[in-house]
mmCIF file of all heavy atoms, coordinates in Angstrom:
data_MODEL
# 
_entry.id   MODEL 
# 
loop_
_atom_site.group_PDB 
_atom_site.id 
_atom_site.type_symbol 
_atom_site.label_atom_id 
_atom_site.label_alt_id 
_atom_site.label_comp_id 
_atom_site.label_asym_id 
_atom_site.label_entity_id 
_atom_site.label_seq_id 
_atom_site.pdbx_PDB_ins_code 
_atom_site.Cartn_x 
_atom_site.Cartn_y 
_atom_site.Cartn_z 
_atom_site.occupancy 
_atom_site.B_iso_or_equiv 
_atom_site.pdbx_formal_charge 
_atom_site.auth_seq_id 
_atom_site.auth_comp_id 
_atom_site.auth_asym_id 
_atom_site.auth_atom_id 
_atom_site.pdbx_PDB_model_num 
ATOM 1   N N   . SER A 1 1  ? 4.617   3.166   12.520  1.00 0.00 ? 1  SER A N   1 
ATOM 2   C CA  . SER A 1 1  ? 4.209   4.558   12.296  1.00 0.00 ? 1  SER A CA  1 
ATOM 3   C C   . SER A 1 1  ? 3.466   4.750   10.972  1.00 0.00 ? 1  SER A C   1 
ATOM 4   O O   . SER A 1 1  ? 3.008   5.863   10.691  1.00 0.00 ? 1  SER A O   1 
ATOM 5   C CB  . SER A 1 1  ? 5.442   5.469   12.323  1.00 0.00 ? 1  SER A CB  1 
ATOM 6   O OG  . SER A 1 1  ? 6.356   5.117   11.300  1.00 0.00 ? 1  SER A OG  1 
ATOM 7   N N   . GLY A 1 2  ? 3.329   3.701   10.182  1.00 0.00 ? 2  GLY A N   1 
ATOM 8   C CA  . GLY A 1 2  ? 2.604   3.790   8.917   1.00 0.00 ? 2  GLY A CA  1 
ATOM 9   C C   . GLY A 1 2  ? 1.282   3.045   8.972   1.00 0.00 ? 2  GLY A C   1 
ATOM 10  O O   . GLY A 1 2  ? 0.778   2.704   10.044  1.00 0.00 ? 2  GLY A O   1 
ATOM 11  N N   . ASN A 1 3  ? 0.723   2.777   7.790   1.00 0.00 ? 3  ASN A N   1 
ATOM 12  C CA  . ASN A 1 3  ? -0.521  2.012   7.717   1.00 0.00 ? 3  ASN A CA  1 
ATOM 13  C C   . ASN A 1 3  ? -0.292  0.528   7.943   1.00 0.00 ? 3  ASN A C   1 
ATOM 14  O O   . ASN A 1 3  ? -1.156  -0.178  8.482   1.00 0.00 ? 3  ASN A O   1 
ATOM 15  C CB  . ASN A 1 3  ? -1.174  2.208   6.351   1.00 0.00 ? 3  ASN A CB  1 
ATOM 16  C CG  . ASN A 1 3  ? -1.455  3.667   6.041   1.00 0.00 ? 3  ASN A CG  1 
ATOM 17  O OD1 . ASN A 1 3  ? -0.732  4.282   5.268   1.00 0.00 ? 3  ASN A OD1 1 
ATOM 18  N ND2 . ASN A 1 3  ? -2.489  4.225   6.656   1.00 0.00 ? 3  ASN A ND2 1 
ATOM 19  N N   . TYR A 1 4  ? 0.885   0.054   7.501   1.00 0.00 ? 4  TYR A N   1 
ATOM 20  C CA  . TYR A 1 4  ? 1.211   -1.366  7.612   1.00 0.00 ? 4  TYR A CA  1 
ATOM 21  C C   . TYR A 1 4  ? 2.681   -1.525  7.975   1.00 0.00 ? 4  TYR A C   1 
ATOM 22  O O   . TYR A 1 4  ? 3.500   -0.642  7.723   1.00 0.00 ? 4  TYR A O   1 
ATOM 23  C CB  . TYR A 1 4  ? 0.920   -2.100  6.291   1.00 0.00 ? 4  TYR A CB  1 
ATOM 24  C CG  . TYR A 1 4  ? -0.538  -2.053  5.893   1.00 0.00 ? 4  TYR A CG  1 
ATOM 25  C CD1 . TYR A 1 4  ? -0.979  -1.121  4.956   1.00 0.00 ? 4  TYR A CD1 1 
ATOM 26  C CD2 . TYR A 1 4  ? -1.465  -2.914  6.461   1.00 0.00 ? 4  TYR A CD2 1 
ATOM 27  C CE1 . TYR A 1 4  ? -2.314  -1.057  4.598   1.00 0.00 ? 4  TYR A CE1 1 
ATOM 28  C CE2 . TYR A 1 4  ? -2.802  -2.862  6.112   1.00 0.00 ? 4  TYR A CE2 1 
ATOM 29  C CZ  . TYR A 1 4  ? -3.229  -1.935  5.182   1.00 0.00 ? 4  TYR A CZ  1 
ATOM 30  O OH  . TYR A 1 4  ? -4.558  -1.867  4.833   1.00 0.00 ? 4  TYR A OH  1 
ATOM 31  N N   . ARG A 1 5  ? 2.995   -2.707  8.523   1.00 0.00 ? 5  ARG A N   1 
ATOM 32  C CA  . ARG A 1 5  ? 4.379   -3.003  8.884   1.00 0.00 ? 5  ARG A CA  1 
ATOM 33  C C   . ARG A 1 5  ? 5.122   -3.760  7.783   1.00 0.00 ? 5  ARG A C   1 
ATOM 34  O O   . ARG A 1 5  ? 6.356   -3.822  7.804   1.00 0.00 ? 5  ARG A O   1 
ATOM 35  C CB  . ARG A 1 5  ? 4.430   -3.820  10.177  1.00 0.00 ? 5  ARG A CB  1 
ATOM 36  C CG  . ARG A 1 5  ? 3.972   -3.052  11.408  1.00 0.00 ? 5  ARG A CG  1 
ATOM 37  C CD  . ARG A 1 5  ? 4.026   -3.928  12.647  1.00 0.00 ? 5  ARG A CD  1 
ATOM 38  N NE  . ARG A 1 5  ? 3.544   -3.219  13.830  1.00 0.00 ? 5  ARG A NE  1 
ATOM 39  C CZ  . ARG A 1 5  ? 4.313   -2.524  14.665  1.00 0.00 ? 5  ARG A CZ  1 
ATOM 40  N NH1 . ARG A 1 5  ? 5.620   -2.456  14.434  1.00 0.00 ? 5  ARG A NH1 1 
ATOM 41  N NH2 . ARG A 1 5  ? 3.796   -1.913  15.724  1.00 0.00 ? 5  ARG A NH2 1 
ATOM 42  N N   . THR A 1 6  ? 4.410   -4.358  6.838   1.00 0.00 ? 6  THR A N   1 
ATOM 43  C CA  . THR A 1 6  ? 5.051   -5.106  5.761   1.00 0.00 ? 6  THR A CA  1 
ATOM 44  C C   . THR A 1 6  ? 4.576   -4.591  4.405   1.00 0.00 ? 6  THR A C   1 
ATOM 45  O O   . THR A 1 6  ? 3.454   -4.081  4.268   1.00 0.00 ? 6  THR A O   1 
ATOM 46  C CB  . THR A 1 6  ? 4.752   -6.615  5.839   1.00 0.00 ? 6  THR A CB  1 
ATOM 47  O OG1 . THR A 1 6  ? 3.370   -6.847  5.542   1.00 0.00 ? 6  THR A OG1 1 
ATOM 48  C CG2 . THR A 1 6  ? 5.073   -7.162  7.228   1.00 0.00 ? 6  THR A CG2 1 
ATOM 49  N N   . ILE A 1 7  ? 5.409   -4.759  3.413   1.00 0.00 ? 7  ILE A N   1 
ATOM 50  C CA  . ILE A 1 7  ? 5.051   -4.348  2.059   1.00 0.00 ? 7  ILE A CA  1 
ATOM 51  C C   . ILE A 1 7  ? 3.965   -5.264  1.507   1.00 0.00 ? 7  ILE A C   1 
ATOM 52  O O   . ILE A 1 7  ? 3.069   -4.822  0.793   1.00 0.00 ? 7  ILE A O   1 
ATOM 53  C CB  . ILE A 1 7  ? 6.298   -4.376  1.150   1.00 0.00 ? 7  ILE A CB  1 
ATOM 54  C CG1 . ILE A 1 7  ? 7.408   -3.514  1.756   1.00 0.00 ? 7  ILE A CG1 1 
ATOM 55  C CG2 . ILE A 1 7  ? 5.963   -3.879  -0.262  1.00 0.00 ? 7  ILE A CG2 1 
ATOM 56  C CD1 . ILE A 1 7  ? 8.764   -3.690  1.081   1.00 0.00 ? 7  ILE A CD1 1 
ATOM 57  N N   . ARG A 1 8  ? 4.029   -6.527  1.868   1.00 0.00 ? 8  ARG A N   1 
ATOM 58  C CA  . ARG A 1 8  ? 3.014   -7.479  1.418   1.00 0.00 ? 8  ARG A CA  1 
ATOM 59  C C   . ARG A 1 8  ? 1.615   -7.039  1.835   1.00 0.00 ? 8  ARG A C   1 
ATOM 60  O O   . ARG A 1 8  ? 0.660   -7.088  1.045   1.00 0.00 ? 8  ARG A O   1 
ATOM 61  C CB  . ARG A 1 8  ? 3.321   -8.854  2.007   1.00 0.00 ? 8  ARG A CB  1 
ATOM 62  C CG  . ARG A 1 8  ? 2.281   -9.957  1.778   1.00 0.00 ? 8  ARG A CG  1 
ATOM 63  C CD  . ARG A 1 8  ? 2.332   -10.477 0.364   1.00 0.00 ? 8  ARG A CD  1 
ATOM 64  N NE  . ARG A 1 8  ? 1.617   -9.631  -0.600  1.00 0.00 ? 8  ARG A NE  1 
ATOM 65  C CZ  . ARG A 1 8  ? 1.872   -9.605  -1.885  1.00 0.00 ? 8  ARG A CZ  1 
ATOM 66  N NH1 . ARG A 1 8  ? 2.818   -10.342 -2.396  1.00 0.00 ? 8  ARG A NH1 1 
ATOM 67  N NH2 . ARG A 1 8  ? 1.187   -8.828  -2.680  1.00 0.00 ? 8  ARG A NH2 1 
ATOM 68  N N   . GLU A 1 9  ? 1.461   -6.587  3.059   1.00 0.00 ? 9  GLU A N   1 
ATOM 69  C CA  . GLU A 1 9  ? 0.162   -6.120  3.526   1.00 0.00 ? 9  GLU A CA  1 
ATOM 70  C C   . GLU A 1 9  ? -0.318  -4.916  2.725   1.00 0.00 ? 9  GLU A C   1 
ATOM 71  O O   . GLU A 1 9  ? -1.498  -4.807  2.389   1.00 0.00 ? 9  GLU A O   1 
ATOM 72  C CB  . GLU A 1 9  ? 0.238   -5.752  5.008   1.00 0.00 ? 9  GLU A CB  1 
ATOM 73  C CG  . GLU A 1 9  ? 0.414   -6.933  5.954   1.00 0.00 ? 9  GLU A CG  1 
ATOM 74  C CD  . GLU A 1 9  ? 0.616   -6.475  7.390   1.00 0.00 ? 9  GLU A CD  1 
ATOM 75  O OE1 . GLU A 1 9  ? 1.559   -5.690  7.643   1.00 0.00 ? 9  GLU A OE1 1 
ATOM 76  O OE2 . GLU A 1 9  ? -0.167  -6.901  8.261   1.00 0.00 ? 9  GLU A OE2 1 
ATOM 77  N N   . ALA A 1 10 ? 0.604   -4.013  2.416   1.00 0.00 ? 10 ALA A N   1 
ATOM 78  C CA  . ALA A 1 10 ? 0.230   -2.813  1.653   1.00 0.00 ? 10 ALA A CA  1 
ATOM 79  C C   . ALA A 1 10 ? -0.190  -3.183  0.236   1.00 0.00 ? 10 ALA A C   1 
ATOM 80  O O   . ALA A 1 10 ? -1.166  -2.631  -0.304  1.00 0.00 ? 10 ALA A O   1 
ATOM 81  C CB  . ALA A 1 10 ? 1.394   -1.830  1.622   1.00 0.00 ? 10 ALA A CB  1 
ATOM 82  N N   . LEU A 1 11 ? 0.518   -4.119  -0.390  1.00 0.00 ? 11 LEU A N   1 
ATOM 83  C CA  . LEU A 1 11 ? 0.133   -4.570  -1.735  1.00 0.00 ? 11 LEU A CA  1 
ATOM 84  C C   . LEU A 1 11 ? -1.229  -5.257  -1.714  1.00 0.00 ? 11 LEU A C   1 
ATOM 85  O O   . LEU A 1 11 ? -2.058  -5.055  -2.610  1.00 0.00 ? 11 LEU A O   1 
ATOM 86  C CB  . LEU A 1 11 ? 1.196   -5.504  -2.299  1.00 0.00 ? 11 LEU A CB  1 
ATOM 87  C CG  . LEU A 1 11 ? 2.536   -4.854  -2.677  1.00 0.00 ? 11 LEU A CG  1 
ATOM 88  C CD1 . LEU A 1 11 ? 3.567   -5.932  -3.029  1.00 0.00 ? 11 LEU A CD1 1 
ATOM 89  C CD2 . LEU A 1 11 ? 2.370   -3.886  -3.848  1.00 0.00 ? 11 LEU A CD2 1 
ATOM 90  N N   . ASP A 1 12 ? -1.468  -6.066  -0.697  1.00 0.00 ? 12 ASP A N   1 
ATOM 91  C CA  . ASP A 1 12 ? -2.774  -6.721  -0.575  1.00 0.00 ? 12 ASP A CA  1 
ATOM 92  C C   . ASP A 1 12 ? -3.885  -5.688  -0.425  1.00 0.00 ? 12 ASP A C   1 
ATOM 93  O O   . ASP A 1 12 ? -4.960  -5.812  -1.023  1.00 0.00 ? 12 ASP A O   1 
ATOM 94  C CB  . ASP A 1 12 ? -2.783  -7.668  0.624   1.00 0.00 ? 12 ASP A CB  1 
ATOM 95  C CG  . ASP A 1 12 ? -1.939  -8.918  0.396   1.00 0.00 ? 12 ASP A CG  1 
ATOM 96  O OD1 . ASP A 1 12 ? -1.615  -9.204  -0.784  1.00 0.00 ? 12 ASP A OD1 1 
ATOM 97  O OD2 . ASP A 1 12 ? -1.593  -9.595  1.386   1.00 0.00 ? 12 ASP A OD2 1 
ATOM 98  N N   . ALA A 1 13 ? -3.625  -4.676  0.371   1.00 0.00 ? 13 ALA A N   1 
ATOM 99  C CA  . ALA A 1 13 ? -4.624  -3.624  0.568   1.00 0.00 ? 13 ALA A CA  1 
ATOM 100 C C   . ALA A 1 13 ? -4.868  -2.846  -0.713  1.00 0.00 ? 13 ALA A C   1 
ATOM 101 O O   . ALA A 1 13 ? -6.012  -2.494  -1.032  1.00 0.00 ? 13 ALA A O   1 
ATOM 102 C CB  . ALA A 1 13 ? -4.167  -2.677  1.679   1.00 0.00 ? 13 ALA A CB  1 
ATOM 103 N N   . ALA A 1 14 ? -3.809  -2.587  -1.467  1.00 0.00 ? 14 ALA A N   1 
ATOM 104 C CA  . ALA A 1 14 ? -3.964  -1.888  -2.745  1.00 0.00 ? 14 ALA A CA  1 
ATOM 105 C C   . ALA A 1 14 ? -4.821  -2.693  -3.708  1.00 0.00 ? 14 ALA A C   1 
ATOM 106 O O   . ALA A 1 14 ? -5.640  -2.135  -4.450  1.00 0.00 ? 14 ALA A O   1 
ATOM 107 C CB  . ALA A 1 14 ? -2.599  -1.609  -3.360  1.00 0.00 ? 14 ALA A CB  1 
ATOM 108 N N   . GLY A 1 15 ? -4.668  -4.002  -3.679  1.00 0.00 ? 15 GLY A N   1 
ATOM 109 C CA  . GLY A 1 15 ? -5.463  -4.863  -4.556  1.00 0.00 ? 15 GLY A CA  1 
ATOM 110 C C   . GLY A 1 15 ? -6.936  -4.894  -4.205  1.00 0.00 ? 15 GLY A C   1 
ATOM 111 O O   . GLY A 1 15 ? -7.779  -5.195  -5.054  1.00 0.00 ? 15 GLY A O   1 
ATOM 112 N N   . MET A 1 16 ? -7.269  -4.562  -2.966  1.00 0.00 ? 16 MET A N   1 
ATOM 113 C CA  . MET A 1 16 ? -8.656  -4.581  -2.511  1.00 0.00 ? 16 MET A CA  1 
ATOM 114 C C   . MET A 1 16 ? -9.374  -3.260  -2.773  1.00 0.00 ? 16 MET A C   1 
ATOM 115 O O   . MET A 1 16 ? -10.596 -3.180  -2.663  1.00 0.00 ? 16 MET A O   1 
ATOM 116 C CB  . MET A 1 16 ? -8.699  -4.883  -1.012  1.00 0.00 ? 16 MET A CB  1 
ATOM 117 C CG  . MET A 1 16 ? -8.141  -6.247  -0.636  1.00 0.00 ? 16 MET A CG  1 
ATOM 118 S SD  . MET A 1 16 ? -9.161  -7.607  -1.257  1.00 0.00 ? 16 MET A SD  1 
ATOM 119 C CE  . MET A 1 16 ? -10.607 -7.399  -0.213  1.00 0.00 ? 16 MET A CE  1 
ATOM 120 N N   . ARG A 1 17 ? -8.633  -2.228  -3.100  1.00 0.00 ? 17 ARG A N   1 
ATOM 121 C CA  . ARG A 1 17 ? -9.238  -0.906  -3.251  1.00 0.00 ? 17 ARG A CA  1 
ATOM 122 C C   . ARG A 1 17 ? -9.632  -0.627  -4.696  1.00 0.00 ? 17 ARG A C   1 
ATOM 123 O O   . ARG A 1 17 ? -8.955  -1.046  -5.628  1.00 0.00 ? 17 ARG A O   1 
ATOM 124 C CB  . ARG A 1 17 ? -8.256  0.179   -2.806  1.00 0.00 ? 17 ARG A CB  1 
ATOM 125 C CG  . ARG A 1 17 ? -7.928  0.161   -1.329  1.00 0.00 ? 17 ARG A CG  1 
ATOM 126 C CD  . ARG A 1 17 ? -7.204  1.427   -0.941  1.00 0.00 ? 17 ARG A CD  1 
ATOM 127 N NE  . ARG A 1 17 ? -6.838  1.438   0.473   1.00 0.00 ? 17 ARG A NE  1 
ATOM 128 C CZ  . ARG A 1 17 ? -6.412  2.522   1.109   1.00 0.00 ? 17 ARG A CZ  1 
ATOM 129 N NH1 . ARG A 1 17 ? -6.290  3.668   0.456   1.00 0.00 ? 17 ARG A NH1 1 
ATOM 130 N NH2 . ARG A 1 17 ? -6.094  2.466   2.386   1.00 0.00 ? 17 ARG A NH2 1 
ATOM 131 N N   . ARG A 1 18 ? -10.701 0.130   -4.854  1.00 0.00 ? 18 ARG A N   1 
ATOM 132 C CA  . ARG A 1 18 ? -11.001 0.708   -6.153  1.00 0.00 ? 18 ARG A CA  1 
ATOM 133 C C   . ARG A 1 18 ? -10.078 1.900   -6.350  1.00 0.00 ? 18 ARG A C   1 
ATOM 134 O O   . ARG A 1 18 ? -9.994  2.777   -5.491  1.00 0.00 ? 18 ARG A O   1 
ATOM 135 C CB  . ARG A 1 18 ? -12.457 1.184   -6.219  1.00 0.00 ? 18 ARG A CB  1 
ATOM 136 C CG  . ARG A 1 18 ? -13.470 0.063   -6.277  1.00 0.00 ? 18 ARG A CG  1 
ATOM 137 C CD  . ARG A 1 18 ? -14.854 0.628   -6.519  1.00 0.00 ? 18 ARG A CD  1 
ATOM 138 N NE  . ARG A 1 18 ? -15.854 -0.416  -6.625  1.00 0.00 ? 18 ARG A NE  1 
ATOM 139 C CZ  . ARG A 1 18 ? -17.146 -0.183  -6.861  1.00 0.00 ? 18 ARG A CZ  1 
ATOM 140 N NH1 . ARG A 1 18 ? -17.571 1.063   -7.010  1.00 0.00 ? 18 ARG A NH1 1 
ATOM 141 N NH2 . ARG A 1 18 ? -17.995 -1.186  -6.939  1.00 0.00 ? 18 ARG A NH2 1 
ATOM 142 N N   . ARG A 1 19 ? -9.393  1.940   -7.474  1.00 0.00 ? 19 ARG A N   1 
ATOM 143 C CA  . ARG A 1 19 ? -8.436  3.013   -7.658  1.00 0.00 ? 19 ARG A CA  1 
ATOM 144 C C   . ARG A 1 19 ? -8.277  3.327   -9.135  1.00 0.00 ? 19 ARG A C   1 
ATOM 145 O O   . ARG A 1 19 ? -8.454  2.473   -9.997  1.00 0.00 ? 19 ARG A O   1 
ATOM 146 C CB  . ARG A 1 19 ? -7.078  2.631   -7.062  1.00 0.00 ? 19 ARG A CB  1 
ATOM 147 C CG  . ARG A 1 19 ? -6.560  1.274   -7.506  1.00 0.00 ? 19 ARG A CG  1 
ATOM 148 C CD  . ARG A 1 19 ? -5.356  0.829   -6.680  1.00 0.00 ? 19 ARG A CD  1 
ATOM 149 N NE  . ARG A 1 19 ? -4.943  -0.516  -7.047  1.00 0.00 ? 19 ARG A NE  1 
ATOM 150 C CZ  . ARG A 1 19 ? -4.182  -0.793  -8.092  1.00 0.00 ? 19 ARG A CZ  1 
ATOM 151 N NH1 . ARG A 1 19 ? -3.716  0.188   -8.846  1.00 0.00 ? 19 ARG A NH1 1 
ATOM 152 N NH2 . ARG A 1 19 ? -3.854  -2.030  -8.373  1.00 0.00 ? 19 ARG A NH2 1 
ATOM 153 N N   . THR A 1 20 ? -7.947  4.552   -9.411  1.00 0.00 ? 20 THR A N   1 
ATOM 154 C CA  . THR A 1 20 ? -7.625  4.975   -10.764 1.00 0.00 ? 20 THR A CA  1 
ATOM 155 C C   . THR A 1 20 ? -6.304  5.725   -10.715 1.00 0.00 ? 20 THR A C   1 
ATOM 156 O O   . THR A 1 20 ? -5.979  6.364   -9.712  1.00 0.00 ? 20 THR A O   1 
ATOM 157 C CB  . THR A 1 20 ? -8.706  5.910   -11.340 1.00 0.00 ? 20 THR A CB  1 
ATOM 158 O OG1 . THR A 1 20 ? -8.852  7.042   -10.474 1.00 0.00 ? 20 THR A OG1 1 
ATOM 159 C CG2 . THR A 1 20 ? -10.042 5.176   -11.464 1.00 0.00 ? 20 THR A CG2 1 
ATOM 160 N N   . GLY A 1 21 ? -5.549  5.652   -11.777 1.00 0.00 ? 21 GLY A N   1 
ATOM 161 C CA  . GLY A 1 21 ? -4.266  6.331   -11.806 1.00 0.00 ? 21 GLY A CA  1 
ATOM 162 C C   . GLY A 1 21 ? -3.238  5.629   -10.941 1.00 0.00 ? 21 GLY A C   1 
ATOM 163 O O   . GLY A 1 21 ? -3.407  4.488   -10.512 1.00 0.00 ? 21 GLY A O   1 
ATOM 164 N N   . ARG A 1 22 ? -2.179  6.336   -10.666 1.00 0.00 ? 22 ARG A N   1 
ATOM 165 C CA  . ARG A 1 22 ? -1.059  5.772   -9.914  1.00 0.00 ? 22 ARG A CA  1 
ATOM 166 C C   . ARG A 1 22 ? -1.407  5.585   -8.447  1.00 0.00 ? 22 ARG A C   1 
ATOM 167 O O   . ARG A 1 22 ? -2.022  6.446   -7.817  1.00 0.00 ? 22 ARG A O   1 
ATOM 168 C CB  . ARG A 1 22 ? 0.134   6.716   -10.033 1.00 0.00 ? 22 ARG A CB  1 
ATOM 169 C CG  . ARG A 1 22 ? 1.422   6.183   -9.447  1.00 0.00 ? 22 ARG A CG  1 
ATOM 170 C CD  . ARG A 1 22 ? 2.054   5.141   -10.317 1.00 0.00 ? 22 ARG A CD  1 
ATOM 171 N NE  . ARG A 1 22 ? 2.368   5.664   -11.636 1.00 0.00 ? 22 ARG A NE  1 
ATOM 172 C CZ  . ARG A 1 22 ? 2.664   4.914   -12.665 1.00 0.00 ? 22 ARG A CZ  1 
ATOM 173 N NH1 . ARG A 1 22 ? 2.642   3.597   -12.553 1.00 0.00 ? 22 ARG A NH1 1 
ATOM 174 N NH2 . ARG A 1 22 ? 2.951   5.458   -13.829 1.00 0.00 ? 22 ARG A NH2 1 
ATOM 175 N N   . PHE A 1 23 ? -1.023  4.411   -7.892  1.00 0.00 ? 23 PHE A N   1 
ATOM 176 C CA  . PHE A 1 23 ? -1.215  4.129   -6.478  1.00 0.00 ? 23 PHE A CA  1 
ATOM 177 C C   . PHE A 1 23 ? 0.168   4.077   -5.839  1.00 0.00 ? 23 PHE A C   1 
ATOM 178 O O   . PHE A 1 23 ? 0.993   3.233   -6.187  1.00 0.00 ? 23 PHE A O   1 
ATOM 179 C CB  . PHE A 1 23 ? -1.948  2.807   -6.281  1.00 0.00 ? 23 PHE A CB  1 
ATOM 180 C CG  . PHE A 1 23 ? -2.438  2.583   -4.873  1.00 0.00 ? 23 PHE A CG  1 
ATOM 181 C CD1 . PHE A 1 23 ? -3.711  2.983   -4.500  1.00 0.00 ? 23 PHE A CD1 1 
ATOM 182 C CD2 . PHE A 1 23 ? -1.621  1.974   -3.924  1.00 0.00 ? 23 PHE A CD2 1 
ATOM 183 C CE1 . PHE A 1 23 ? -4.162  2.785   -3.201  1.00 0.00 ? 23 PHE A CE1 1 
ATOM 184 C CE2 . PHE A 1 23 ? -2.060  1.768   -2.639  1.00 0.00 ? 23 PHE A CE2 1 
ATOM 185 C CZ  . PHE A 1 23 ? -3.344  2.173   -2.268  1.00 0.00 ? 23 PHE A CZ  1 
ATOM 186 N N   . ILE A 1 24 ? 0.405   4.993   -4.895  1.00 0.00 ? 24 ILE A N   1 
ATOM 187 C CA  . ILE A 1 24 ? 1.748   5.197   -4.360  1.00 0.00 ? 24 ILE A CA  1 
ATOM 188 C C   . ILE A 1 24 ? 1.866   4.584   -2.970  1.00 0.00 ? 24 ILE A C   1 
ATOM 189 O O   . ILE A 1 24 ? 1.093   4.898   -2.057  1.00 0.00 ? 24 ILE A O   1 
ATOM 190 C CB  . ILE A 1 24 ? 2.082   6.695   -4.299  1.00 0.00 ? 24 ILE A CB  1 
ATOM 191 C CG1 . ILE A 1 24 ? 1.970   7.308   -5.702  1.00 0.00 ? 24 ILE A CG1 1 
ATOM 192 C CG2 . ILE A 1 24 ? 3.473   6.923   -3.726  1.00 0.00 ? 24 ILE A CG2 1 
ATOM 193 C CD1 . ILE A 1 24 ? 1.971   8.819   -5.708  1.00 0.00 ? 24 ILE A CD1 1 
ATOM 194 N N   . ILE A 1 25 ? 2.846   3.715   -2.817  1.00 0.00 ? 25 ILE A N   1 
ATOM 195 C CA  . ILE A 1 25 ? 3.152   3.109   -1.525  1.00 0.00 ? 25 ILE A CA  1 
ATOM 196 C C   . ILE A 1 25 ? 4.542   3.576   -1.103  1.00 0.00 ? 25 ILE A C   1 
ATOM 197 O O   . ILE A 1 25 ? 5.535   3.311   -1.789  1.00 0.00 ? 25 ILE A O   1 
ATOM 198 C CB  . ILE A 1 25 ? 3.113   1.569   -1.601  1.00 0.00 ? 25 ILE A CB  1 
ATOM 199 C CG1 . ILE A 1 25 ? 1.718   1.094   -2.009  1.00 0.00 ? 25 ILE A CG1 1 
ATOM 200 C CG2 . ILE A 1 25 ? 3.519   0.957   -0.266  1.00 0.00 ? 25 ILE A CG2 1 
ATOM 201 C CD1 . ILE A 1 25 ? 1.630   -0.416  -2.246  1.00 0.00 ? 25 ILE A CD1 1 
ATOM 202 N N   . TYR A 1 26 ? 4.591   4.299   -0.015  1.00 0.00 ? 26 TYR A N   1 
ATOM 203 C CA  . TYR A 1 26 ? 5.862   4.785   0.521   1.00 0.00 ? 26 TYR A CA  1 
ATOM 204 C C   . TYR A 1 26 ? 6.376   3.774   1.546   1.00 0.00 ? 26 TYR A C   1 
ATOM 205 O O   . TYR A 1 26 ? 5.691   3.453   2.520   1.00 0.00 ? 26 TYR A O   1 
ATOM 206 C CB  . TYR A 1 26 ? 5.660   6.163   1.156   1.00 0.00 ? 26 TYR A CB  1 
ATOM 207 C CG  . TYR A 1 26 ? 6.790   6.655   2.023   1.00 0.00 ? 26 TYR A CG  1 
ATOM 208 C CD1 . TYR A 1 26 ? 8.122   6.512   1.643   1.00 0.00 ? 26 TYR A CD1 1 
ATOM 209 C CD2 . TYR A 1 26 ? 6.519   7.312   3.225   1.00 0.00 ? 26 TYR A CD2 1 
ATOM 210 C CE1 . TYR A 1 26 ? 9.144   6.982   2.435   1.00 0.00 ? 26 TYR A CE1 1 
ATOM 211 C CE2 . TYR A 1 26 ? 7.539   7.801   4.029   1.00 0.00 ? 26 TYR A CE2 1 
ATOM 212 C CZ  . TYR A 1 26 ? 8.851   7.625   3.631   1.00 0.00 ? 26 TYR A CZ  1 
ATOM 213 O OH  . TYR A 1 26 ? 9.867   8.095   4.419   1.00 0.00 ? 26 TYR A OH  1 
ATOM 214 N N   . VAL A 1 27 ? 7.599   3.273   1.311   1.00 0.00 ? 27 VAL A N   1 
ATOM 215 C CA  . VAL A 1 27 ? 8.200   2.267   2.180   1.00 0.00 ? 27 VAL A CA  1 
ATOM 216 C C   . VAL A 1 27 ? 9.336   2.924   2.957   1.00 0.00 ? 27 VAL A C   1 
ATOM 217 O O   . VAL A 1 27 ? 10.395  3.245   2.395   1.00 0.00 ? 27 VAL A O   1 
ATOM 218 C CB  . VAL A 1 27 ? 8.732   1.067   1.372   1.00 0.00 ? 27 VAL A CB  1 
ATOM 219 C CG1 . VAL A 1 27 ? 9.232   -0.024  2.318   1.00 0.00 ? 27 VAL A CG1 1 
ATOM 220 C CG2 . VAL A 1 27 ? 7.644   0.515   0.457   1.00 0.00 ? 27 VAL A CG2 1 
ATOM 221 N N   . LYS A 1 28 ? 9.108   3.138   4.237   1.00 0.00 ? 28 LYS A N   1 
ATOM 222 C CA  . LYS A 1 28 ? 10.109  3.808   5.060   1.00 0.00 ? 28 LYS A CA  1 
ATOM 223 C C   . LYS A 1 28 ? 11.365  2.956   5.225   1.00 0.00 ? 28 LYS A C   1 
ATOM 224 O O   . LYS A 1 28 ? 11.383  1.758   4.958   1.00 0.00 ? 28 LYS A O   1 
ATOM 225 C CB  . LYS A 1 28 ? 9.529   4.144   6.437   1.00 0.00 ? 28 LYS A CB  1 
ATOM 226 C CG  . LYS A 1 28 ? 8.509   5.271   6.423   1.00 0.00 ? 28 LYS A CG  1 
ATOM 227 C CD  . LYS A 1 28 ? 8.135   5.669   7.855   1.00 0.00 ? 28 LYS A CD  1 
ATOM 228 C CE  . LYS A 1 28 ? 7.187   6.852   7.888   1.00 0.00 ? 28 LYS A CE  1 
ATOM 229 N NZ  . LYS A 1 28 ? 6.873   7.265   9.281   1.00 0.00 ? 28 LYS A NZ  1 
ATOM 230 N N   . ALA A 1 29 ? 12.436  3.597   5.673   1.00 0.00 ? 29 ALA A N   1 
ATOM 231 C CA  . ALA A 1 29 ? 13.726  2.935   5.858   1.00 0.00 ? 29 ALA A CA  1 
ATOM 232 C C   . ALA A 1 29 ? 13.572  1.671   6.702   1.00 0.00 ? 29 ALA A C   1 
ATOM 233 O O   . ALA A 1 29 ? 12.821  1.639   7.684   1.00 0.00 ? 29 ALA A O   1 
ATOM 234 C CB  . ALA A 1 29 ? 14.716  3.895   6.504   1.00 0.00 ? 29 ALA A CB  1 
# 
């Protein structure tokens, strides 16, 4: 139901993005 099924995938995606300020990853139960 989210963008990714694993936290590793979300961290990898965050590393590929241009971003400023805080980058928030919500990890469901």
